[in-house]
Amino acid sequence: MTQFDTHRKGAEAHYAMGQEARFRIEARTAKLAAQWLADKMGLTGDAVAAYLQSVIAANMAESGLDDLQEKLVADSAAHGLDISEDAIAAEIARCLRQATDELKPTA
């Protein structure tokens, strides 16, 4: 194996680890944001668990958090909650920071 091959394999492994970490952070962000909205909607018990799963599944449709925001805005409106898109975006940003901190690798 040449030095180039070794470097390439290392770079590929690093990229794969970064993608996995990004996926885990995004999933954790969706769960935290869904929990926040479930609390606002007054959901309890099994309804919370079902809602969390539906939000996480909806968020996996596309890369990024735009689909998460769209779902939370739609669900908020469907439940008659007066929560602005800006407030939802701010909560998602807070959840993203929390998820990043929680899943940050320890050295």
PDB file of N, CA and C in Angstrom:
ATOM      1  N   MET A   1       0.854  -1.175   0.000  1.00  0.00           N
ATOM      2  CA  MET A   1       0.000   0.000   0.000  1.00  0.00           C
ATOM      3  C   MET A   1       0.895   1.232   0.000  1.00  0.00           C
ATOM      4  N   THR A   2       0.594   2.164  -0.867  1.00  0.00           N
ATOM      5  CA  THR A   2       1.398   3.377  -0.954  1.00  0.00           C
ATOM      6  C   THR A   2       0.968   4.367   0.119  1.00  0.00           C
ATOM      7  N   GLN A   3       1.778   5.371   0.322  1.00  0.00           N
ATOM      8  CA  GLN A   3       1.461   6.414   1.300  1.00  0.00           C
ATOM      9  C   GLN A   3       0.167   7.136   0.900  1.00  0.00           C
ATOM     10  N   PHE A   4      -0.019   7.316  -0.395  1.00  0.00           N
ATOM     11  CA  PHE A   4      -1.238   7.957  -0.877  1.00  0.00           C
ATOM     12  C   PHE A   4      -2.464   7.122  -0.511  1.00  0.00           C
ATOM     13  N   ASP A   5      -2.388   5.804  -0.711  1.00  0.00           N
ATOM     14  CA  ASP A   5      -3.510   4.914  -0.376  1.00  0.00           C
ATOM     15  C   ASP A   5      -3.826   4.982   1.116  1.00  0.00           C
ATOM     16  N   THR A   6      -2.802   5.001   1.931  1.00  0.00           N
ATOM     17  CA  THR A   6      -2.992   5.095   3.379  1.00  0.00           C
ATOM     18  C   THR A   6      -3.681   6.405   3.740  1.00  0.00           C
ATOM     19  N   HIS A   7      -3.217   7.493   3.136  1.00  0.00           N
ATOM     20  CA  HIS A   7      -3.821   8.802   3.398  1.00  0.00           C
ATOM     21  C   HIS A   7      -5.282   8.834   2.935  1.00  0.00           C
ATOM     22  N   ARG A   8      -5.540   8.265   1.754  1.00  0.00           N
ATOM     23  CA  ARG A   8      -6.898   8.246   1.217  1.00  0.00           C
ATOM     24  C   ARG A   8      -7.827   7.447   2.133  1.00  0.00           C
ATOM     25  N   LYS A   9      -7.385   6.295   2.589  1.00  0.00           N
ATOM     26  CA  LYS A   9      -8.215   5.474   3.476  1.00  0.00           C
ATOM     27  C   LYS A   9      -8.482   6.205   4.790  1.00  0.00           C
ATOM     28  N   GLY A  10      -7.480   6.900   5.296  1.00  0.00           N
ATOM     29  CA  GLY A  10      -7.651   7.683   6.515  1.00  0.00           C
ATOM     30  C   GLY A  10      -8.652   8.814   6.321  1.00  0.00           C
ATOM     31  N   ALA A  11      -8.562   9.486   5.178  1.00  0.00           N
ATOM     32  CA  ALA A  11      -9.486  10.581   4.881  1.00  0.00           C
ATOM     33  C   ALA A  11     -10.909  10.062   4.722  1.00  0.00           C
ATOM     34  N   GLU A  12     -11.062   8.912   4.084  1.00  0.00           N
ATOM     35  CA  GLU A  12     -12.395   8.314   3.925  1.00  0.00           C
ATOM     36  C   GLU A  12     -12.988   7.935   5.274  1.00  0.00           C
ATOM     37  N   ALA A  13     -12.182   7.371   6.152  1.00  0.00           N
ATOM     38  CA  ALA A  13     -12.660   6.998   7.484  1.00  0.00           C
ATOM     39  C   ALA A  13     -13.063   8.239   8.273  1.00  0.00           C
ATOM     40  N   HIS A  14     -12.265   9.293   8.168  1.00  0.00           N
ATOM     41  CA  HIS A  14     -12.575  10.546   8.864  1.00  0.00           C
ATOM     42  C   HIS A  14     -13.893  11.132   8.354  1.00  0.00           C
ATOM     43  N   TYR A  15     -14.075  11.111   7.041  1.00  0.00           N
ATOM     44  CA  TYR A  15     -15.308  11.620   6.443  1.00  0.00           C
ATOM     45  C   TYR A  15     -16.511  10.814   6.923  1.00  0.00           C
ATOM     46  N   ALA A  16     -16.387   9.491   6.943  1.00  0.00           N
ATOM     47  CA  ALA A  16     -17.492   8.634   7.388  1.00  0.00           C
ATOM     48  C   ALA A  16     -17.834   8.910   8.845  1.00  0.00           C
ATOM     49  N   MET A  17     -16.826   9.106   9.678  1.00  0.00           N
ATOM     50  CA  MET A  17     -17.080   9.421  11.086  1.00  0.00           C
ATOM     51  C   MET A  17     -17.791  10.761  11.217  1.00  0.00           C
ATOM     52  N   GLY A  18     -17.396  11.735  10.404  1.00  0.00           N
ATOM     53  CA  GLY A  18     -18.043  13.044  10.432  1.00  0.00           C
ATOM     54  C   GLY A  18     -19.496  12.965  10.003  1.00  0.00           C
ATOM     55  N   GLN A  19     -19.773  12.174   8.983  1.00  0.00           N
ATOM     56  CA  GLN A  19     -21.150  12.000   8.510  1.00  0.00           C
ATOM     57  C   GLN A  19     -22.005  11.334   9.594  1.00  0.00           C
ATOM     58  N   GLU A  20     -21.457  10.322  10.243  1.00  0.00           N
ATOM     59  CA  GLU A  20     -22.196   9.633  11.302  1.00  0.00           C
ATOM     60  C   GLU A  20     -22.480  10.574  12.466  1.00  0.00           C
ATOM     61  N   ALA A  21     -21.502  11.368  12.850  1.00  0.00           N
ATOM     62  CA  ALA A  21     -21.692  12.327  13.938  1.00  0.00           C
ATOM     63  C   ALA A  21     -22.752  13.361  13.567  1.00  0.00           C
ATOM     64  N   ARG A  22     -22.707  13.832  12.344  1.00  0.00           N
ATOM     65  CA  ARG A  22     -23.691  14.816  11.873  1.00  0.00           C
ATOM     66  C   ARG A  22     -25.103  14.227  11.913  1.00  0.00           C
ATOM     67  N   PHE A  23     -25.235  12.969  11.495  1.00  0.00           N
ATOM     68  CA  PHE A  23     -26.529  12.281  11.522  1.00  0.00           C
ATOM     69  C   PHE A  23     -27.044  12.164  12.959  1.00  0.00           C
ATOM     70  N   ARG A  24     -26.174  11.753  13.874  1.00  0.00           N
ATOM     71  CA  ARG A  24     -26.585  11.594  15.269  1.00  0.00           C
ATOM     72  C   ARG A  24     -26.990  12.931  15.895  1.00  0.00           C
ATOM     73  N   ILE A  25     -26.244  13.986  15.587  1.00  0.00           N
ATOM     74  CA  ILE A  25     -26.569  15.316  16.120  1.00  0.00           C
ATOM     75  C   ILE A  25     -27.904  15.792  15.571  1.00  0.00           C
ATOM     76  N   GLU A  26     -28.131  15.577  14.275  1.00  0.00           N
ATOM     77  CA  GLU A  26     -29.393  15.999  13.673  1.00  0.00           C
ATOM     78  C   GLU A  26     -30.574  15.221  14.267  1.00  0.00           C
ATOM     79  N   ALA A  27     -30.412  13.927  14.466  1.00  0.00           N
ATOM     80  CA  ALA A  27     -31.485  13.117  15.065  1.00  0.00           C
ATOM     81  C   ALA A  27     -31.756  13.555  16.495  1.00  0.00           C
ATOM     82  N   ARG A  28     -30.709  13.849  17.262  1.00  0.00           N
ATOM     83  CA  ARG A  28     -30.880  14.306  18.648  1.00  0.00           C
ATOM     84  C   ARG A  28     -31.553  15.680  18.666  1.00  0.00           C
ATOM     85  N   THR A  29     -31.183  16.547  17.743  1.00  0.00           N
ATOM     86  CA  THR A  29     -31.810  17.867  17.645  1.00  0.00           C
ATOM     87  C   THR A  29     -33.303  17.719  17.384  1.00  0.00           C
ATOM     88  N   ALA A  30     -33.662  16.836  16.457  1.00  0.00           N
ATOM     89  CA  ALA A  30     -35.076  16.611  16.143  1.00  0.00           C
ATOM     90  C   ALA A  30     -35.826  16.094  17.365  1.00  0.00           C
ATOM     91  N   LYS A  31     -35.216  15.189  18.103  1.00  0.00           N
ATOM     92  CA  LYS A  31     -35.874  14.635  19.290  1.00  0.00           C
ATOM     93  C   LYS A  31     -36.088  15.716  20.355  1.00  0.00           C
ATOM     94  N   LEU A  32     -35.067  16.526  20.592  1.00  0.00           N
ATOM     95  CA  LEU A  32     -35.197  17.596  21.590  1.00  0.00           C
ATOM     96  C   LEU A  32     -36.268  18.615  21.183  1.00  0.00           C
ATOM     97  N   ALA A  33     -36.254  19.012  19.918  1.00  0.00           N
ATOM     98  CA  ALA A  33     -37.240  19.994  19.439  1.00  0.00           C
ATOM     99  C   ALA A  33     -38.650  19.407  19.476  1.00  0.00           C
ATOM    100  N   ALA A  34     -38.777  18.139  19.118  1.00  0.00           N
ATOM    101  CA  ALA A  34     -40.085  17.483  19.158  1.00  0.00           C
ATOM    102  C   ALA A  34     -40.605  17.397  20.587  1.00  0.00           C
ATOM    103  N   GLN A  35     -39.714  17.120  21.530  1.00  0.00           N
ATOM    104  CA  GLN A  35     -40.113  17.057  22.943  1.00  0.00           C
ATOM    105  C   GLN A  35     -40.611  18.421  23.410  1.00  0.00           C
ATOM    106  N   TRP A  36     -39.921  19.468  22.989  1.00  0.00           N
ATOM    107  CA  TRP A  36     -40.321  20.824  23.347  1.00  0.00           C
ATOM    108  C   TRP A  36     -41.733  21.122  22.842  1.00  0.00           C
ATOM    109  N   LEU A  37     -41.992  20.792  21.564  1.00  0.00           N
ATOM    110  CA  LEU A  37     -43.310  21.076  21.004  1.00  0.00           C
ATOM    111  C   LEU A  37     -44.377  20.149  21.582  1.00  0.00           C
ATOM    112  N   ALA A  38     -44.014  18.905  21.856  1.00  0.00           N
ATOM    113  CA  ALA A  38     -44.967  17.973  22.483  1.00  0.00           C
ATOM    114  C   ALA A  38     -45.421  18.525  23.825  1.00  0.00           C
ATOM    115  N   ASP A  39     -44.493  19.106  24.582  1.00  0.00           N
ATOM    116  CA  ASP A  39     -44.851  19.735  25.857  1.00  0.00           C
ATOM    117  C   ASP A  39     -45.813  20.901  25.636  1.00  0.00           C
ATOM    118  N   LYS A  40     -45.535  21.721  24.623  1.00  0.00           N
ATOM    119  CA  LYS A  40     -46.402  22.864  24.313  1.00  0.00           C
ATOM    120  C   LYS A  40     -47.797  22.399  23.880  1.00  0.00           C
ATOM    121  N   MET A  41     -47.858  21.251  23.180  1.00  0.00           N
ATOM    122  CA  MET A  41     -49.137  20.719  22.708  1.00  0.00           C
ATOM    123  C   MET A  41     -49.885  19.965  23.803  1.00  0.00           C
ATOM    124  N   GLY A  42     -49.232  19.746  24.930  1.00  0.00           N
ATOM    125  CA  GLY A  42     -49.878  19.051  26.038  1.00  0.00           C
ATOM    126  C   GLY A  42     -49.939  17.544  25.867  1.00  0.00           C
ATOM    127  N   LEU A  43     -49.084  16.984  25.034  1.00  0.00           N
ATOM    128  CA  LEU A  43     -49.086  15.539  24.837  1.00  0.00           C
ATOM    129  C   LEU A  43     -48.479  14.844  26.043  1.00  0.00           C
ATOM    130  N   THR A  44     -48.966  13.638  26.325  1.00  0.00           N
ATOM    131  CA  THR A  44     -48.445  12.858  27.443  1.00  0.00           C
ATOM    132  C   THR A  44     -48.331  11.390  27.044  1.00  0.00           C
ATOM    133  N   GLY A  45     -47.547  10.663  27.804  1.00  0.00           N
ATOM    134  CA  GLY A  45     -47.447   9.214  27.657  1.00  0.00           C
ATOM    135  C   GLY A  45     -47.074   8.744  26.267  1.00  0.00           C
ATOM    136  N   ASP A  46     -47.850   7.780  25.776  1.00  0.00           N
ATOM    137  CA  ASP A  46     -47.588   7.180  24.472  1.00  0.00           C
ATOM    138  C   ASP A  46     -47.709   8.191  23.330  1.00  0.00           C
ATOM    139  N   ALA A  47     -48.524   9.210  23.519  1.00  0.00           N
ATOM    140  CA  ALA A  47     -48.688  10.227  22.478  1.00  0.00           C
ATOM    141  C   ALA A  47     -47.382  10.986  22.257  1.00  0.00           C
ATOM    142  N   VAL A  48     -46.627  11.202  23.331  1.00  0.00           N
ATOM    143  CA  VAL A  48     -45.333  11.880  23.206  1.00  0.00           C
ATOM    144  C   VAL A  48     -44.370  10.997  22.415  1.00  0.00           C
ATOM    145  N   ALA A  49     -44.287   9.726  22.781  1.00  0.00           N
ATOM    146  CA  ALA A  49     -43.376   8.802  22.096  1.00  0.00           C
ATOM    147  C   ALA A  49     -43.724   8.696  20.613  1.00  0.00           C
ATOM    148  N   ALA A  50     -44.994   8.599  20.311  1.00  0.00           N
ATOM    149  CA  ALA A  50     -45.422   8.505  18.913  1.00  0.00           C
ATOM    150  C   ALA A  50     -45.090   9.788  18.164  1.00  0.00           C
ATOM    151  N   TYR A  51     -45.290  10.927  18.817  1.00  0.00           N
ATOM    152  CA  TYR A  51     -44.991  12.201  18.176  1.00  0.00           C
ATOM    153  C   TYR A  51     -43.490  12.343  17.917  1.00  0.00           C
ATOM    154  N   LEU A  52     -42.670  11.975  18.897  1.00  0.00           N
ATOM    155  CA  LEU A  52     -41.222  12.052  18.713  1.00  0.00           C
ATOM    156  C   LEU A  52     -40.790  11.219  17.514  1.00  0.00           C
ATOM    157  N   GLN A  53     -41.327  10.018  17.410  1.00  0.00           N
ATOM    158  CA  GLN A  53     -40.968   9.151  16.283  1.00  0.00           C
ATOM    159  C   GLN A  53     -41.407   9.757  14.949  1.00  0.00           C
ATOM    160  N   SER A  54     -42.585  10.372  14.931  1.00  0.00           N
ATOM    161  CA  SER A  54     -43.060  10.961  13.675  1.00  0.00           C
ATOM    162  C   SER A  54     -42.190  12.144  13.250  1.00  0.00           C
ATOM    163  N   VAL A  55     -41.737  12.922  14.210  1.00  0.00           N
ATOM    164  CA  VAL A  55     -40.887  14.075  13.897  1.00  0.00           C
ATOM    165  C   VAL A  55     -39.512  13.602  13.419  1.00  0.00           C
ATOM    166  N   ILE A  56     -38.943  12.633  14.113  1.00  0.00           N
ATOM    167  CA  ILE A  56     -37.630  12.119  13.715  1.00  0.00           C
ATOM    168  C   ILE A  56     -37.702  11.527  12.313  1.00  0.00           C
ATOM    169  N   ALA A  57     -38.760  10.762  12.035  1.00  0.00           N
ATOM    170  CA  ALA A  57     -38.928  10.166  10.702  1.00  0.00           C
ATOM    171  C   ALA A  57     -39.081  11.249   9.637  1.00  0.00           C
ATOM    172  N   ALA A  58     -39.861  12.274   9.929  1.00  0.00           N
ATOM    173  CA  ALA A  58     -40.058  13.363   8.967  1.00  0.00           C
ATOM    174  C   ALA A  58     -38.746  14.104   8.721  1.00  0.00           C
ATOM    175  N   ASN A  59     -37.939  14.249   9.756  1.00  0.00           N
ATOM    176  CA  ASN A  59     -36.674  14.961   9.613  1.00  0.00           C
ATOM    177  C   ASN A  59     -35.670  14.181   8.765  1.00  0.00           C
ATOM    178  N   MET A  60     -35.800  12.876   8.719  1.00  0.00           N
ATOM    179  CA  MET A  60     -34.863  12.061   7.951  1.00  0.00           C
ATOM    180  C   MET A  60     -35.149  12.092   6.449  1.00  0.00           C
ATOM    181  N   ALA A  61     -36.234  12.724   6.057  1.00  0.00           N
ATOM    182  CA  ALA A  61     -36.589  12.791   4.638  1.00  0.00           C
ATOM    183  C   ALA A  61     -35.528  13.531   3.836  1.00  0.00           C
ATOM    184  N   GLU A  62     -34.924  14.541   4.439  1.00  0.00           N
ATOM    185  CA  GLU A  62     -33.906  15.339   3.764  1.00  0.00           C
ATOM    186  C   GLU A  62     -32.772  15.628   4.732  1.00  0.00           C
ATOM    187  N   SER A  63     -31.639  15.932   4.178  1.00  0.00           N
ATOM    188  CA  SER A  63     -30.509  16.349   4.997  1.00  0.00           C
ATOM    189  C   SER A  63     -30.768  17.782   5.471  1.00  0.00           C
ATOM    190  N   GLY A  64     -30.323  18.092   6.645  1.00  0.00           N
ATOM    191  CA  GLY A  64     -30.512  19.436   7.175  1.00  0.00           C
ATOM    192  C   GLY A  64     -31.735  19.508   8.073  1.00  0.00           C
ATOM    193  N   LEU A  65     -31.971  20.678   8.613  1.00  0.00           N
ATOM    194  CA  LEU A  65     -33.035  20.860   9.597  1.00  0.00           C
ATOM    195  C   LEU A  65     -34.234  21.637   9.061  1.00  0.00           C
ATOM    196  N   ASP A  66     -34.236  21.965   7.766  1.00  0.00           N
ATOM    197  CA  ASP A  66     -35.358  22.718   7.196  1.00  0.00           C
ATOM    198  C   ASP A  66     -36.659  21.928   7.283  1.00  0.00           C
ATOM    199  N   ASP A  67     -36.592  20.626   7.006  1.00  0.00           N
ATOM    200  CA  ASP A  67     -37.796  19.799   7.069  1.00  0.00           C
ATOM    201  C   ASP A  67     -38.306  19.686   8.498  1.00  0.00           C
ATOM    202  N   LEU A  68     -37.402  19.707   9.464  1.00  0.00           N
ATOM    203  CA  LEU A  68     -37.800  19.691  10.870  1.00  0.00           C
ATOM    204  C   LEU A  68     -38.589  20.956  11.199  1.00  0.00           C
ATOM    205  N   GLN A  69     -38.077  22.094  10.777  1.00  0.00           N
ATOM    206  CA  GLN A  69     -38.769  23.351  11.055  1.00  0.00           C
ATOM    207  C   GLN A  69     -40.140  23.374  10.388  1.00  0.00           C
ATOM    208  N   GLU A  70     -40.218  22.923   9.148  1.00  0.00           N
ATOM    209  CA  GLU A  70     -41.503  22.901   8.448  1.00  0.00           C
ATOM    210  C   GLU A  70     -42.523  22.035   9.197  1.00  0.00           C
ATOM    211  N   LYS A  71     -42.094  20.871   9.676  1.00  0.00           N
ATOM    212  CA  LYS A  71     -43.010  19.985  10.402  1.00  0.00           C
ATOM    213  C   LYS A  71     -43.466  20.631  11.709  1.00  0.00           C
ATOM    214  N   LEU A  72     -42.544  21.203  12.456  1.00  0.00           N
ATOM    215  CA  LEU A  72     -42.913  21.811  13.737  1.00  0.00           C
ATOM    216  C   LEU A  72     -43.846  23.002  13.537  1.00  0.00           C
ATOM    217  N   VAL A  73     -43.598  23.796  12.513  1.00  0.00           N
ATOM    218  CA  VAL A  73     -44.486  24.931  12.215  1.00  0.00           C
ATOM    219  C   VAL A  73     -45.882  24.415  11.871  1.00  0.00           C
ATOM    220  N   ALA A  74     -45.961  23.399  11.012  1.00  0.00           N
ATOM    221  CA  ALA A  74     -47.261  22.842  10.611  1.00  0.00           C
ATOM    222  C   ALA A  74     -47.987  22.224  11.801  1.00  0.00           C
ATOM    223  N   ASP A  75     -47.259  21.475  12.625  1.00  0.00           N
ATOM    224  CA  ASP A  75     -47.892  20.834  13.786  1.00  0.00           C
ATOM    225  C   ASP A  75     -48.356  21.868  14.808  1.00  0.00           C
ATOM    226  N   SER A  76     -47.567  22.900  14.980  1.00  0.00           N
ATOM    227  CA  SER A  76     -47.930  23.974  15.900  1.00  0.00           C
ATOM    228  C   SER A  76     -49.239  24.631  15.454  1.00  0.00           C
ATOM    229  N   ALA A  77     -49.318  24.940  14.175  1.00  0.00           N
ATOM    230  CA  ALA A  77     -50.532  25.561  13.635  1.00  0.00           C
ATOM    231  C   ALA A  77     -51.722  24.609  13.725  1.00  0.00           C
ATOM    232  N   ALA A  78     -51.498  23.329  13.450  1.00  0.00           N
ATOM    233  CA  ALA A  78     -52.580  22.338  13.493  1.00  0.00           C
ATOM    234  C   ALA A  78     -53.156  22.187  14.895  1.00  0.00           C
ATOM    235  N   HIS A  79     -52.334  22.457  15.899  1.00  0.00           N
ATOM    236  CA  HIS A  79     -52.805  22.367  17.280  1.00  0.00           C
ATOM    237  C   HIS A  79     -53.249  23.724  17.829  1.00  0.00           C
ATOM    238  N   GLY A  80     -53.301  24.715  16.957  1.00  0.00           N
ATOM    239  CA  GLY A  80     -53.793  26.037  17.358  1.00  0.00           C
ATOM    240  C   GLY A  80     -52.859  26.795  18.276  1.00  0.00           C
ATOM    241  N   LEU A  81     -51.579  26.462  18.236  1.00  0.00           N
ATOM    242  CA  LEU A  81     -50.619  27.167  19.086  1.00  0.00           C
ATOM    243  C   LEU A  81     -50.145  28.437  18.390  1.00  0.00           C
ATOM    244  N   ASP A  82     -49.942  29.465  19.168  1.00  0.00           N
ATOM    245  CA  ASP A  82     -49.471  30.737  18.637  1.00  0.00           C
ATOM    246  C   ASP A  82     -47.958  30.831  18.839  1.00  0.00           C
ATOM    247  N   ILE A  83     -47.217  30.054  18.025  1.00  0.00           N
ATOM    248  CA  ILE A  83     -45.754  30.048  18.093  1.00  0.00           C
ATOM    249  C   ILE A  83     -45.244  30.457  16.711  1.00  0.00           C
ATOM    250  N   SER A  84     -44.459  31.511  16.670  1.00  0.00           N
ATOM    251  CA  SER A  84     -43.969  32.024  15.383  1.00  0.00           C
ATOM    252  C   SER A  84     -42.893  31.101  14.799  1.00  0.00           C
ATOM    253  N   GLU A  85     -42.707  31.236  13.492  1.00  0.00           N
ATOM    254  CA  GLU A  85     -41.631  30.491  12.829  1.00  0.00           C
ATOM    255  C   GLU A  85     -40.285  30.869  13.424  1.00  0.00           C
ATOM    256  N   ASP A  86     -40.117  32.147  13.764  1.00  0.00           N
ATOM    257  CA  ASP A  86     -38.857  32.592  14.356  1.00  0.00           C
ATOM    258  C   ASP A  86     -38.613  31.932  15.703  1.00  0.00           C
ATOM    259  N   ALA A  87     -39.671  31.790  16.503  1.00  0.00           N
ATOM    260  CA  ALA A  87     -39.536  31.141  17.806  1.00  0.00           C
ATOM    261  C   ALA A  87     -39.173  29.663  17.640  1.00  0.00           C
ATOM    262  N   ILE A  88     -39.782  29.024  16.649  1.00  0.00           N
ATOM    263  CA  ILE A  88     -39.468  27.622  16.383  1.00  0.00           C
ATOM    264  C   ILE A  88     -38.032  27.497  15.880  1.00  0.00           C
ATOM    265  N   ALA A  89     -37.618  28.385  14.999  1.00  0.00           N
ATOM    266  CA  ALA A  89     -36.235  28.362  14.503  1.00  0.00           C
ATOM    267  C   ALA A  89     -35.245  28.575  15.646  1.00  0.00           C
ATOM    268  N   ALA A  90     -35.569  29.476  16.555  1.00  0.00           N
ATOM    269  CA  ALA A  90     -34.696  29.729  17.707  1.00  0.00           C
ATOM    270  C   ALA A  90     -34.616  28.497  18.606  1.00  0.00           C
ATOM    271  N   GLU A  91     -35.717  27.808  18.792  1.00  0.00           N
ATOM    272  CA  GLU A  91     -35.719  26.601  19.616  1.00  0.00           C
ATOM    273  C   GLU A  91     -34.911  25.490  18.949  1.00  0.00           C
ATOM    274  N   ILE A  92     -35.039  25.358  17.637  1.00  0.00           N
ATOM    275  CA  ILE A  92     -34.240  24.356  16.914  1.00  0.00           C
ATOM    276  C   ILE A  92     -32.758  24.677  17.056  1.00  0.00           C
ATOM    277  N   ALA A  93     -32.397  25.945  16.961  1.00  0.00           N
ATOM    278  CA  ALA A  93     -30.998  26.349  17.120  1.00  0.00           C
ATOM    279  C   ALA A  93     -30.499  26.008  18.524  1.00  0.00           C
ATOM    280  N   ARG A  94     -31.335  26.231  19.535  1.00  0.00           N
ATOM    281  CA  ARG A  94     -30.960  25.890  20.909  1.00  0.00           C
ATOM    282  C   ARG A  94     -30.768  24.381  21.042  1.00  0.00           C
ATOM    283  N   CYS A  95     -31.693  23.617  20.454  1.00  0.00           N
ATOM    284  CA  CYS A  95     -31.609  22.155  20.501  1.00  0.00           C
ATOM    285  C   CYS A  95     -30.367  21.650  19.774  1.00  0.00           C
ATOM    286  N   LEU A  96     -30.016  22.299  18.670  1.00  0.00           N
ATOM    287  CA  LEU A  96     -28.818  21.921  17.928  1.00  0.00           C
ATOM    288  C   LEU A  96     -27.570  22.134  18.784  1.00  0.00           C
ATOM    289  N   ARG A  97     -27.515  23.263  19.476  1.00  0.00           N
ATOM    290  CA  ARG A  97     -26.368  23.512  20.366  1.00  0.00           C
ATOM    291  C   ARG A  97     -26.308  22.467  21.476  1.00  0.00           C
ATOM    292  N   GLN A  98     -27.467  22.158  22.051  1.00  0.00           N
ATOM    293  CA  GLN A  98     -27.513  21.155  23.121  1.00  0.00           C
ATOM    294  C   GLN A  98     -27.090  19.785  22.603  1.00  0.00           C
ATOM    295  N   ALA A  99     -27.604  19.387  21.463  1.00  0.00           N
ATOM    296  CA  ALA A  99     -27.256  18.085  20.886  1.00  0.00           C
ATOM    297  C   ALA A  99     -25.772  18.008  20.571  1.00  0.00           C
ATOM    298  N   THR A 100     -25.229  19.075  20.030  1.00  0.00           N
ATOM    299  CA  THR A 100     -23.800  19.106  19.717  1.00  0.00           C
ATOM    300  C   THR A 100     -22.972  18.949  20.976  1.00  0.00           C
ATOM    301  N   ASP A 101     -23.361  19.667  22.030  1.00  0.00           N
ATOM    302  CA  ASP A 101     -22.647  19.551  23.306  1.00  0.00           C
ATOM    303  C   ASP A 101     -22.762  18.146  23.889  1.00  0.00           C
ATOM    304  N   GLU A 102     -23.952  17.570  23.841  1.00  0.00           N
ATOM    305  CA  GLU A 102     -24.176  16.241  24.407  1.00  0.00           C
ATOM    306  C   GLU A 102     -23.411  15.152  23.653  1.00  0.00           C
ATOM    307  N   LEU A 103     -23.291  15.295  22.339  1.00  0.00           N
ATOM    308  CA  LEU A 103     -22.687  14.240  21.536  1.00  0.00           C
ATOM    309  C   LEU A 103     -21.238  14.532  21.149  1.00  0.00           C
ATOM    310  N   LYS A 104     -20.699  15.610  21.693  1.00  0.00           N
ATOM    311  CA  LYS A 104     -19.321  15.954  21.396  1.00  0.00           C
ATOM    312  C   LYS A 104     -18.412  14.851  21.930  1.00  0.00           C
ATOM    313  N   PRO A 105     -17.481  14.378  21.112  1.00  0.00           N
ATOM    314  CA  PRO A 105     -16.592  13.322  21.600  1.00  0.00           C
ATOM    315  C   PRO A 105     -15.725  13.833  22.746  1.00  0.00           C
ATOM    316  N   THR A 106     -15.544  12.984  23.730  1.00  0.00           N
ATOM    317  CA  THR A 106     -14.694  13.359  24.848  1.00  0.00           C
ATOM    318  C   THR A 106     -13.273  12.914  24.539  1.00  0.00           C
ATOM    319  N   ALA A 107     -12.341  13.780  24.878  1.00  0.00           N
ATOM    320  CA  ALA A 107     -10.939  13.470  24.568  1.00  0.00           C
ATOM    321  C   ALA A 107     -10.179  13.119  25.821  1.00  0.00           C
TER     322      ALA A 107
END
